[in-house]
């Protein structure tokens, strides 16, 4: 029997999740959104069932969850606590893509009242999400940890504007990452650091990049490794020069206090692109067999064809991450109750999964765009 999913959100990532789950043949997917046009496109292209509904209406959500096994939120982070609460009351499991720390804390609190067989698993995307799984897998290879560094970037393959950036996913999420405080570990203590700070530069394949602090990408890994590692941090990768322009907008012009206006400006002036590339670097250093050792997991994912759909790299990596952990849960390879962290997923199990395989082939990660 097919596993029954209620998918909230029919946007860029939600539609990609629908394509992967429906395309697998093992999931009965019902997609809900307020955008009738987006739902009609999904009905036509994927043949999935759809319903017009708001994610902020608790009573409606509970009605839609009747007869479903789990709910997946591909909505804005702001409505996720409402969806999670409805899932608790409906007795079904919950998955989301949030990078927002307060939302994750709210979902964690809701999860304390979960029933047997009911889990709450936020942060199931790329970062947070896969990057935590990869970094934790490396960390477990050491006898004593010293440093964990996570670097992720979703970048336009052909940057042409002054920002050297195109919108590839949620503008709300982007602003949230650039404007909210960040977690890190320093001298084995959990600390708060400022977004857009901690600037560093590096080159790869002749291209100059920068990386800087952004909020949420570390997920729950900071709590998991607190007291066990000397330093841990997460930074977003961009083309060199992008950070200074964003710092000018958010800090000097104080647009961080006017996020609705900043969103309007960005969406009016910065084009969306489906031609992107995702860079993922996890580097861990520590003592292994008596020697100070460093190990790195580095991957590059391009846009391409995936489950019969032409998807951007951020759509592929984000949607595949969620679908893979959902698959792992359905197979019975995750805890069966309460709050589940990304780092509780085995990297080997993830990469062997039909959805996770887009991360698995090293040749693909460092080759020109092709078919996934």
Protein backbone atom coordinates (compact mmCIF):
# COMPACT_ATOMS: atom_id res chain seq x y z
CA UNK A 1 0.00 0.00 0.00
CA UNK A 2 1.26 3.47 -0.83
CA UNK A 3 2.42 5.76 1.99
CA UNK A 4 0.01 8.70 2.12
CA UNK A 5 1.57 12.18 2.20
CA UNK A 6 -0.02 15.59 2.62
CA UNK A 7 2.40 18.05 1.01
CA UNK A 8 1.88 21.67 2.03
CA UNK A 9 3.26 24.04 -0.60
CA UNK A 10 3.38 23.90 -4.41
CA UNK A 11 6.28 26.30 -4.99
CA UNK A 12 9.71 25.56 -6.46
CA UNK A 13 10.72 23.10 -3.75
CA UNK A 14 7.26 21.73 -3.04
CA UNK A 15 6.70 20.88 -6.70
CA UNK A 16 10.09 19.13 -6.81
CA UNK A 17 9.20 17.04 -3.74
CA UNK A 18 5.88 16.14 -5.37
CA UNK A 19 7.68 15.08 -8.56
CA UNK A 20 10.11 12.84 -6.69
CA UNK A 21 7.58 11.20 -4.38
CA UNK A 22 4.92 10.70 -7.04
CA UNK A 23 7.54 9.57 -9.56
CA UNK A 24 8.77 6.84 -7.21
CA UNK A 25 5.40 5.09 -7.41
CA UNK A 26 5.40 4.39 -3.66
CA UNK A 27 3.67 7.53 -2.37
CA UNK A 28 0.11 8.80 -2.58
CA UNK A 29 0.63 12.57 -2.64
CA UNK A 30 -2.00 15.21 -1.90
CA UNK A 31 -0.68 18.75 -2.50
CA UNK A 32 -2.25 21.76 -0.76
CA UNK A 33 -1.63 25.43 -1.53
CA UNK A 34 -3.55 28.70 -1.90
CA UNK A 35 -2.14 29.17 -5.43
CA UNK A 36 -4.69 27.60 -7.79
CA UNK A 37 -2.48 28.08 -10.85
CA UNK A 38 0.44 26.25 -9.22
CA UNK A 39 -1.84 23.37 -8.24
CA UNK A 40 -3.22 23.10 -11.76
CA UNK A 41 0.31 22.89 -13.16
CA UNK A 42 1.07 20.00 -10.79
CA UNK A 43 -2.15 18.20 -11.68
CA UNK A 44 -1.29 18.48 -15.37
CA UNK A 45 2.41 17.57 -15.16
CA UNK A 46 2.38 14.96 -12.38
CA UNK A 47 -1.20 13.76 -12.10
CA UNK A 48 -1.18 14.26 -8.32
CA UNK A 49 -4.24 15.16 -6.28
CA UNK A 50 -4.45 18.78 -5.15
CA UNK A 51 -6.59 20.92 -2.88
CA UNK A 52 -6.80 24.67 -2.30
CA UNK A 53 -6.06 25.29 1.37
CA UNK A 54 -4.21 27.68 3.64
CA UNK A 55 -1.35 26.42 5.82
CA UNK A 56 -2.38 28.81 8.58
CA UNK A 57 -5.87 27.31 9.08
CA UNK A 58 -5.52 24.68 11.81
CA UNK A 59 -9.01 23.22 11.46
CA UNK A 60 -8.61 22.84 7.70
CA UNK A 61 -5.21 21.22 8.17
CA UNK A 62 -6.55 18.64 10.58
CA UNK A 63 -9.31 17.78 8.12
CA UNK A 64 -6.81 17.35 5.27
CA UNK A 65 -4.57 15.17 7.45
CA UNK A 66 -7.34 12.65 8.01
CA UNK A 67 -6.32 9.42 6.31
CA UNK A 68 -2.73 10.63 5.72
CA UNK A 69 0.37 9.03 7.24
CA UNK A 70 2.59 12.13 7.31
CA UNK A 71 2.67 15.81 6.41
CA UNK A 72 5.55 17.52 4.62
CA UNK A 73 5.81 21.29 4.85
CA UNK A 74 7.40 23.11 1.93
CA UNK A 75 5.88 26.37 3.14
CA UNK A 76 7.45 29.48 4.61
CA UNK A 77 8.99 28.75 8.02
CA UNK A 78 6.51 31.09 9.74
CA UNK A 79 3.55 28.68 9.39
CA UNK A 80 5.42 25.49 10.31
CA UNK A 81 4.49 25.49 14.02
CA UNK A 82 0.80 25.61 13.01
CA UNK A 83 1.28 22.65 10.67
CA UNK A 84 3.27 20.73 13.30
CA UNK A 85 0.59 21.31 15.95
CA UNK A 86 -2.11 20.08 13.54
CA UNK A 87 0.03 16.99 12.81
CA UNK A 88 0.31 16.28 16.54
CA UNK A 89 -3.45 16.45 16.96
CA UNK A 90 -4.03 14.34 13.84
CA UNK A 91 -1.54 11.70 15.04
CA UNK A 92 0.66 11.79 11.92
CA UNK A 93 4.39 12.39 11.43
CA UNK A 94 5.80 15.75 10.38
CA UNK A 95 8.72 16.84 8.14
CA UNK A 96 9.84 20.31 7.07
CA UNK A 97 12.68 22.30 5.46
CA UNK A 98 13.01 25.15 7.94
CA UNK A 99 16.29 26.91 8.66
CA UNK A 100 14.71 29.08 11.35
CA UNK A 101 15.99 28.25 14.84
CA UNK A 102 12.90 29.47 16.73
CA UNK A 103 10.62 27.39 14.52
CA UNK A 104 12.79 24.32 15.11
CA UNK A 105 12.57 24.93 18.87
CA UNK A 106 8.77 25.19 18.60
CA UNK A 107 8.56 21.92 16.64
CA UNK A 108 10.84 20.25 19.20
CA UNK A 109 8.48 21.32 22.01
CA UNK A 110 5.47 19.97 20.11
CA UNK A 111 7.30 16.69 19.50
CA UNK A 112 7.49 15.98 23.25
CA UNK A 113 3.81 15.00 23.10
CA UNK A 114 4.20 12.69 20.09
CA UNK A 115 2.48 9.32 20.04
CA UNK A 116 4.19 6.02 19.33
CA UNK A 117 5.15 5.84 15.65
CA UNK A 118 4.85 9.63 15.26
CA UNK A 119 8.01 11.66 14.63
CA UNK A 120 8.72 15.35 14.08
CA UNK A 121 11.72 15.96 11.83
CA UNK A 122 12.41 19.57 10.83
CA UNK A 123 15.40 20.89 8.85
CA UNK A 124 15.23 18.15 6.18
CA UNK A 125 16.73 20.18 3.33
CA UNK A 126 20.27 20.86 2.18
CA UNK A 127 21.53 23.15 4.94
CA UNK A 128 20.32 22.44 7.49
CA UNK A 129 19.81 18.85 6.47
CA UNK A 130 22.25 16.89 4.33
CA UNK A 131 25.23 18.96 5.46
CA UNK A 132 24.64 17.88 9.08
CA UNK A 133 24.40 14.23 8.04
CA UNK A 134 27.68 14.46 6.10
CA UNK A 135 29.55 16.41 8.79
CA UNK A 136 28.44 14.10 11.60
CA UNK A 137 29.46 11.02 9.60
CA UNK A 138 32.97 12.46 9.27
CA UNK A 139 33.06 13.41 12.95
CA UNK A 140 32.34 9.83 13.99
CA UNK A 141 35.56 8.65 12.31
CA UNK A 142 37.71 10.47 14.92
CA UNK A 143 38.81 9.43 18.38
CA UNK A 144 38.82 13.08 19.51
CA UNK A 145 37.33 16.05 17.65
CA UNK A 146 39.04 19.39 17.19
CA UNK A 147 37.23 21.26 14.40
CA UNK A 148 34.09 20.88 12.27
CA UNK A 149 33.57 23.27 9.36
CA UNK A 150 30.52 23.26 7.10
CA UNK A 151 30.32 25.35 3.94
CA UNK A 152 27.38 25.34 1.49
CA UNK A 153 26.41 27.60 -1.38
CA UNK A 154 23.64 27.65 -3.99
CA UNK A 155 25.04 29.84 -6.76
CA UNK A 156 24.09 30.95 -10.27
CA UNK A 157 26.23 29.11 -12.78
CA UNK A 158 26.52 32.26 -14.89
CA UNK A 159 26.56 35.35 -12.59
CA UNK A 160 26.15 38.63 -14.50
CA UNK A 161 24.98 41.27 -12.02
CA UNK A 162 26.85 43.35 -9.43
CA UNK A 163 25.70 41.04 -6.62
CA UNK A 164 27.02 37.98 -8.50
CA UNK A 165 23.84 36.27 -7.39
CA UNK A 166 20.43 35.16 -8.62
CA UNK A 167 17.47 34.07 -6.53
CA UNK A 168 17.42 30.28 -6.45
CA UNK A 169 14.99 29.54 -3.59
CA UNK A 170 12.90 31.28 -0.89
CA UNK A 171 13.57 35.01 -0.57
CA UNK A 172 12.16 34.94 2.97
CA UNK A 173 14.60 32.17 3.87
CA UNK A 174 17.51 34.05 2.31
CA UNK A 175 16.79 37.21 4.31
CA UNK A 176 16.31 35.14 7.45
CA UNK A 177 19.74 33.56 7.02
CA UNK A 178 21.43 36.91 6.36
CA UNK A 179 19.69 38.77 9.17
CA UNK A 180 19.41 36.42 12.16
CA UNK A 181 22.07 35.47 14.70
CA UNK A 182 24.04 32.27 14.14
CA UNK A 183 25.18 29.42 16.37
CA UNK A 184 28.75 28.16 16.57
CA UNK A 185 31.05 26.36 19.01
CA UNK A 186 34.21 28.09 20.24
CA UNK A 187 36.55 26.56 22.83
CA UNK A 188 33.95 23.78 23.30
CA UNK A 189 31.25 26.31 24.25
CA UNK A 190 28.05 27.00 22.33
CA UNK A 191 28.04 30.69 21.34
CA UNK A 192 26.12 33.18 19.19
CA UNK A 193 27.89 34.90 16.28
CA UNK A 194 26.79 37.67 13.94
CA UNK A 195 25.49 36.96 10.43
CA UNK A 196 27.60 38.18 7.48
CA UNK A 197 30.72 38.14 9.68
CA UNK A 198 33.60 35.62 9.77
CA UNK A 199 34.49 36.40 6.14
CA UNK A 200 36.94 34.02 4.44
CA UNK A 201 38.13 33.56 0.85
CA UNK A 202 39.10 30.50 -1.19
CA UNK A 203 39.44 29.35 -4.81
CA UNK A 204 38.19 26.19 -6.51
CA UNK A 205 38.78 25.24 -10.16
CA UNK A 206 40.05 28.77 -10.83
CA UNK A 207 36.95 30.50 -9.39
CA UNK A 208 37.18 32.86 -6.40
CA UNK A 209 34.63 32.35 -3.62
CA UNK A 210 33.90 33.78 -0.20
CA UNK A 211 32.13 32.32 2.82
CA UNK A 212 30.55 34.03 5.83
CA UNK A 213 28.29 33.32 8.81
CA UNK A 214 24.60 32.77 8.10
CA UNK A 215 21.84 31.63 10.42
CA UNK A 216 20.33 28.17 10.70
CA UNK A 217 22.61 26.08 8.49
CA UNK A 218 24.28 24.32 11.40
CA UNK A 219 20.93 22.81 12.38
CA UNK A 220 20.96 20.83 15.62
CA UNK A 221 24.55 19.64 15.12
CA UNK A 222 25.85 22.38 17.40
CA UNK A 223 23.80 20.99 20.29
CA UNK A 224 24.77 17.42 19.43
CA UNK A 225 28.51 18.18 19.45
CA UNK A 226 28.60 20.84 22.20
CA UNK A 227 31.39 19.95 24.64
CA UNK A 228 32.82 17.38 22.20
CA UNK A 229 34.53 19.62 19.63
CA UNK A 230 36.79 22.67 20.06
CA UNK A 231 35.30 24.71 17.19
CA UNK A 232 32.32 24.24 14.89
CA UNK A 233 30.83 26.68 12.41
CA UNK A 234 28.65 26.95 9.34
CA UNK A 235 29.12 29.49 6.54
CA UNK A 236 27.38 30.23 3.24
CA UNK A 237 29.44 30.25 0.04
CA UNK A 238 29.02 33.07 -2.49
CA UNK A 239 31.07 34.56 -5.31
CA UNK A 240 33.58 37.08 -3.99
CA UNK A 241 32.13 40.56 -3.31
CA UNK A 242 28.53 39.49 -2.57
CA UNK A 243 28.84 39.70 1.22
CA UNK A 244 29.87 43.39 1.24
CA UNK A 245 26.82 44.41 -0.79
CA UNK A 246 24.45 42.46 1.47
CA UNK A 247 26.09 43.89 4.60
CA UNK A 248 25.57 47.38 3.16
CA UNK A 249 21.88 46.67 2.53
CA UNK A 250 21.05 44.91 5.80
CA UNK A 251 23.29 46.81 8.21
CA UNK A 252 24.27 50.20 6.79
CA UNK A 253 20.86 50.93 5.23
CA UNK A 254 19.14 49.01 8.09
CA UNK A 255 17.05 46.93 5.72
CA UNK A 256 17.20 44.10 8.25
CA UNK A 257 14.57 46.12 10.15
CA UNK A 258 12.40 46.37 7.02
CA UNK A 259 12.38 42.82 5.69
CA UNK A 260 9.14 43.07 3.71
CA UNK A 261 10.58 46.01 1.78
CA UNK A 262 13.91 44.21 1.28
CA UNK A 263 12.05 41.20 -0.09
CA UNK A 264 10.15 43.43 -2.52
CA UNK A 265 13.39 45.06 -3.70
CA UNK A 266 15.22 41.76 -4.19
CA UNK A 267 12.37 40.06 -6.03
CA UNK A 268 11.87 43.09 -8.28
CA UNK A 269 15.56 43.53 -9.13
CA UNK A 270 17.28 40.13 -8.85
CA UNK A 271 16.22 37.52 -11.44
CA UNK A 272 15.46 33.91 -10.63
CA UNK A 273 17.62 31.34 -12.45
CA UNK A 274 17.22 27.59 -12.96
CA UNK A 275 20.88 27.36 -14.09
CA UNK A 276 22.65 26.99 -10.78
CA UNK A 277 25.22 24.92 -8.95
CA UNK A 278 25.36 23.78 -5.32
CA UNK A 279 28.71 23.51 -3.51
CA UNK A 280 29.01 21.44 -0.32
CA UNK A 281 32.17 21.23 1.82
CA UNK A 282 32.41 19.52 5.20
CA UNK A 283 35.85 19.46 6.81
CA UNK A 284 36.58 17.77 10.14
CA UNK A 285 39.91 17.70 12.00
CA UNK A 286 40.88 15.78 15.11
CA UNK A 287 42.86 12.90 16.51
CA UNK A 288 42.60 9.56 14.71
CA UNK A 289 44.82 6.61 15.63
CA UNK A 290 47.06 8.97 17.60
CA UNK A 291 47.61 11.42 14.71
CA UNK A 292 46.16 14.89 14.12
CA UNK A 293 44.13 14.24 10.95
CA UNK A 294 41.82 16.17 8.63
CA UNK A 295 39.10 14.67 6.41
CA UNK A 296 36.87 16.44 3.89
CA UNK A 297 33.61 15.60 2.12
CA UNK A 298 33.32 17.91 -0.93
CA UNK A 299 30.51 17.76 -3.49
CA UNK A 300 29.21 19.81 -6.39
CA UNK A 301 25.69 19.36 -7.82
CA UNK A 302 24.47 20.98 -11.05
CA UNK A 303 20.99 21.61 -12.37
CA UNK A 304 19.66 18.85 -14.63
CA UNK A 305 16.99 16.22 -15.24
CA UNK A 306 15.73 14.40 -12.16
CA UNK A 307 12.74 12.03 -11.93
CA UNK A 308 11.59 13.21 -15.34
CA UNK A 309 11.68 16.91 -14.42
CA UNK A 310 14.14 19.67 -15.32
CA UNK A 311 15.17 20.98 -11.91
CA UNK A 312 17.62 23.52 -10.57
CA UNK A 313 20.46 22.29 -8.36
CA UNK A 314 18.85 23.76 -5.24
CA UNK A 315 15.56 22.04 -6.11
CA UNK A 316 17.36 18.71 -6.60
CA UNK A 317 19.44 18.86 -3.42
CA UNK A 318 16.72 20.24 -1.15
CA UNK A 319 13.89 18.02 -2.37
CA UNK A 320 16.08 14.91 -2.55
CA UNK A 321 17.29 15.44 1.01
CA UNK A 322 13.75 15.54 2.36
CA UNK A 323 12.55 12.63 0.24
CA UNK A 324 15.54 10.50 1.28
CA UNK A 325 15.00 10.95 5.03
CA UNK A 326 11.27 10.37 4.56
CA UNK A 327 12.09 7.14 2.71
CA UNK A 328 14.49 6.09 5.49
CA UNK A 329 11.78 6.70 8.10
CA UNK A 330 9.16 4.74 6.14
CA UNK A 331 11.63 1.86 5.92
CA UNK A 332 11.85 1.82 9.72
CA UNK A 333 15.46 3.00 9.96
CA UNK A 334 14.84 6.03 12.19
CA UNK A 335 13.62 6.42 15.79
CA UNK A 336 9.90 5.73 15.98
CA UNK A 337 8.76 8.56 18.21
CA UNK A 338 9.34 12.24 18.99
CA UNK A 339 11.89 14.76 17.72
CA UNK A 340 14.45 13.41 15.23
CA UNK A 341 17.66 15.23 14.30
CA UNK A 342 19.24 15.11 10.85
CA UNK A 343 22.48 13.69 12.26
CA UNK A 344 20.56 10.63 13.41
CA UNK A 345 20.42 9.56 9.75
CA UNK A 346 23.28 7.32 8.61
CA UNK A 347 25.21 8.90 5.71
CA UNK A 348 25.70 5.46 4.15
CA UNK A 349 21.98 4.78 4.38
CA UNK A 350 21.21 8.22 2.95
CA UNK A 351 23.55 7.90 -0.04
CA UNK A 352 22.29 4.42 -0.89
CA UNK A 353 18.72 5.70 -0.98
CA UNK A 354 17.09 6.24 -4.39
CA UNK A 355 16.62 9.94 -3.65
CA UNK A 356 19.92 10.45 -1.85
CA UNK A 357 21.89 9.03 -4.77
CA UNK A 358 22.06 12.50 -6.36
CA UNK A 359 24.69 13.25 -3.69
CA UNK A 360 26.48 9.93 -3.99
CA UNK A 361 28.47 9.88 -7.24
CA UNK A 362 31.68 11.90 -6.92
CA UNK A 363 32.21 12.02 -10.70
CA UNK A 364 28.85 13.69 -11.12
CA UNK A 365 29.55 16.22 -8.39
CA UNK A 366 32.68 17.48 -10.18
CA UNK A 367 31.59 17.22 -13.79
CA UNK A 368 29.74 19.57 -16.20
CA UNK A 369 25.96 19.63 -16.03
CA UNK A 370 24.35 16.39 -17.18
CA UNK A 371 21.48 14.07 -16.55
CA UNK A 372 21.00 12.95 -12.95
